[in-house]
Amino acid sequence: MTKPIIDGLTAKKLRLSLGLTLDQMGEMLGYSPSPHRKAAVYRLETGEREISPIKARLLTAYRSGYRPEDWPQEVNKPKRKRGSYLHNA
């Protein structure tokens, strides 16, 4: 089995850096609206499911700054880690 282009941990870090919820990331990856969309992204992030080459391409494009027209207008600001303000001085 070949190593995935983007692994689950990288996908999660990317989602968090973009300020997207599980549901929003699911929408941006093309999952249809359903109660299971968040769970589908969670399974990708935990490695329970492999990230397909097409979804990996989308994630790579988002990481590079691409934003489609239907990009969520309200995104969550990435949270700072506790105590990180001490390291920025």
C-alpha atoms as a PDB file:
ATOM      1  CA  MET A   1       0.000   0.000   0.000  1.00  0.00           C
ATOM      2  CA  THR A   2       1.374   3.410  -0.932  1.00  0.00           C
ATOM      3  CA  LYS A   3       1.639   6.278   1.488  1.00  0.00           C
ATOM      4  CA  PRO A   4      -1.225   8.788   1.089  1.00  0.00           C
ATOM      5  CA  ILE A   5      -0.387  12.173  -0.423  1.00  0.00           C
ATOM      6  CA  ILE A   6      -1.942  13.879   2.606  1.00  0.00           C
ATOM      7  CA  ASP A   7      -2.442  12.021   5.850  1.00  0.00           C
ATOM      8  CA  GLY A   8      -5.214  12.563   8.372  1.00  0.00           C
ATOM      9  CA  LEU A   9      -3.189  14.630  10.822  1.00  0.00           C
ATOM     10  CA  THR A  10      -2.083  16.987   8.052  1.00  0.00           C
ATOM     11  CA  ALA A  11      -5.699  17.305   6.887  1.00  0.00           C
ATOM     12  CA  LYS A  12      -6.830  18.154  10.418  1.00  0.00           C
ATOM     13  CA  LYS A  13      -4.099  20.753  10.887  1.00  0.00           C
ATOM     14  CA  LEU A  14      -5.040  22.292   7.553  1.00  0.00           C
ATOM     15  CA  ARG A  15      -8.744  22.403   8.446  1.00  0.00           C
ATOM     16  CA  LEU A  16      -7.971  24.072  11.758  1.00  0.00           C
ATOM     17  CA  SER A  17      -5.592  26.588  10.166  1.00  0.00           C
ATOM     18  CA  LEU A  18      -8.314  27.476   7.649  1.00  0.00           C
ATOM     19  CA  GLY A  19     -10.771  27.955  10.514  1.00  0.00           C
ATOM     20  CA  LEU A  20     -13.259  25.459   9.092  1.00  0.00           C
ATOM     21  CA  THR A  21     -15.575  23.228  11.081  1.00  0.00           C
ATOM     22  CA  LEU A  22     -15.843  19.524  10.275  1.00  0.00           C
ATOM     23  CA  ASP A  23     -19.112  20.241   8.484  1.00  0.00           C
ATOM     24  CA  GLN A  24     -17.655  23.116   6.449  1.00  0.00           C
ATOM     25  CA  MET A  25     -14.634  21.053   5.421  1.00  0.00           C
ATOM     26  CA  GLY A  26     -16.963  18.226   4.445  1.00  0.00           C
ATOM     27  CA  GLU A  27     -18.864  20.609   2.206  1.00  0.00           C
ATOM     28  CA  MET A  28     -15.625  21.860   0.620  1.00  0.00           C
ATOM     29  CA  LEU A  29     -14.552  18.255  -0.035  1.00  0.00           C
ATOM     30  CA  GLY A  30     -17.810  17.502  -1.824  1.00  0.00           C
ATOM     31  CA  TYR A  31     -19.688  15.485   0.771  1.00  0.00           C
ATOM     32  CA  SER A  32     -23.439  15.910   0.418  1.00  0.00           C
ATOM     33  CA  PRO A  33     -25.328  17.509   3.300  1.00  0.00           C
ATOM     34  CA  SER A  34     -26.206  14.849   5.826  1.00  0.00           C
ATOM     35  CA  PRO A  35     -25.866  14.121   9.520  1.00  0.00           C
ATOM     36  CA  HIS A  36     -22.874  11.955   8.588  1.00  0.00           C
ATOM     37  CA  ARG A  37     -20.787  14.626   6.820  1.00  0.00           C
ATOM     38  CA  LYS A  38     -18.923  15.636   9.995  1.00  0.00           C
ATOM     39  CA  ALA A  39     -18.246  11.994  10.796  1.00  0.00           C
ATOM     40  CA  ALA A  40     -16.855  11.413   7.295  1.00  0.00           C
ATOM     41  CA  VAL A  41     -14.291  14.198   7.719  1.00  0.00           C
ATOM     42  CA  TYR A  42     -13.473  12.992  11.229  1.00  0.00           C
ATOM     43  CA  ARG A  43     -12.756   9.510   9.851  1.00  0.00           C
ATOM     44  CA  LEU A  44     -10.400  11.040   7.276  1.00  0.00           C
ATOM     45  CA  GLU A  45      -8.600  13.049   9.958  1.00  0.00           C
ATOM     46  CA  THR A  46      -8.161  10.086  12.284  1.00  0.00           C
ATOM     47  CA  GLY A  47      -6.896   7.813   9.513  1.00  0.00           C
ATOM     48  CA  GLU A  48      -9.887   5.504   9.742  1.00  0.00           C
ATOM     49  CA  ARG A  49     -10.488   6.222   6.042  1.00  0.00           C
ATOM     50  CA  GLU A  50      -7.856   7.000   3.453  1.00  0.00           C
ATOM     51  CA  ILE A  51      -7.956  10.385   1.749  1.00  0.00           C
ATOM     52  CA  SER A  52      -8.629   9.861  -1.947  1.00  0.00           C
ATOM     53  CA  PRO A  53      -6.263  11.422  -4.497  1.00  0.00           C
ATOM     54  CA  ILE A  54      -9.023  13.832  -5.586  1.00  0.00           C
ATOM     55  CA  LYS A  55      -9.671  15.038  -2.030  1.00  0.00           C
ATOM     56  CA  ALA A  56      -5.909  15.289  -1.434  1.00  0.00           C
ATOM     57  CA  ARG A  57      -5.689  17.542  -4.505  1.00  0.00           C
ATOM     58  CA  LEU A  58      -8.430  19.776  -3.124  1.00  0.00           C
ATOM     59  CA  LEU A  59      -6.706  19.977   0.255  1.00  0.00           C
ATOM     60  CA  THR A  60      -3.416  20.850  -1.455  1.00  0.00           C
ATOM     61  CA  ALA A  61      -5.150  23.608  -3.428  1.00  0.00           C
ATOM     62  CA  TYR A  62      -6.779  25.008  -0.277  1.00  0.00           C
ATOM     63  CA  ARG A  63      -3.401  24.941   1.496  1.00  0.00           C
ATOM     64  CA  SER A  64      -1.951  26.922  -1.447  1.00  0.00           C
ATOM     65  CA  GLY A  65      -4.630  29.603  -1.118  1.00  0.00           C
ATOM     66  CA  TYR A  66      -7.287  28.506  -3.617  1.00  0.00           C
ATOM     67  CA  ARG A  67     -10.812  29.432  -2.523  1.00  0.00           C
ATOM     68  CA  PRO A  68     -13.834  28.398  -4.612  1.00  0.00           C
ATOM     69  CA  GLU A  69     -16.826  30.705  -4.996  1.00  0.00           C
ATOM     70  CA  ASP A  70     -18.816  28.680  -2.466  1.00  0.00           C
ATOM     71  CA  TRP A  71     -16.141  28.969   0.248  1.00  0.00           C
ATOM     72  CA  PRO A  72     -17.835  29.453   3.657  1.00  0.00           C
ATOM     73  CA  GLN A  73     -18.252  33.148   4.446  1.00  0.00           C
ATOM     74  CA  GLU A  74     -18.079  32.591   8.174  1.00  0.00           C
ATOM     75  CA  VAL A  75     -15.003  30.709   9.195  1.00  0.00           C
ATOM     76  CA  ASN A  76     -13.764  30.163  12.704  1.00  0.00           C
ATOM     77  CA  LYS A  77     -10.557  31.930  13.591  1.00  0.00           C
ATOM     78  CA  PRO A  78      -7.836  29.456  14.502  1.00  0.00           C
ATOM     79  CA  LYS A  79      -7.490  29.207  18.266  1.00  0.00           C
ATOM     80  CA  ARG A  80      -4.167  29.989  19.838  1.00  0.00           C
ATOM     81  CA  LYS A  81      -2.632  27.346  22.001  1.00  0.00           C
ATOM     82  CA  ARG A  82      -2.615  28.121  25.678  1.00  0.00           C
ATOM     83  CA  GLY A  83       0.470  30.086  26.609  1.00  0.00           C
ATOM     84  CA  SER A  84       1.436  30.756  22.986  1.00  0.00           C
ATOM     85  CA  TYR A  85       1.347  34.489  23.670  1.00  0.00           C
ATOM     86  CA  LEU A  86       4.482  34.024  25.781  1.00  0.00           C
ATOM     87  CA  HIS A  87       6.425  32.779  22.781  1.00  0.00           C
ATOM     88  CA  ASN A  88       5.451  35.667  20.514  1.00  0.00           C
ATOM     89  CA  ALA A  89       7.065  38.384  22.605  1.00  0.00           C
END
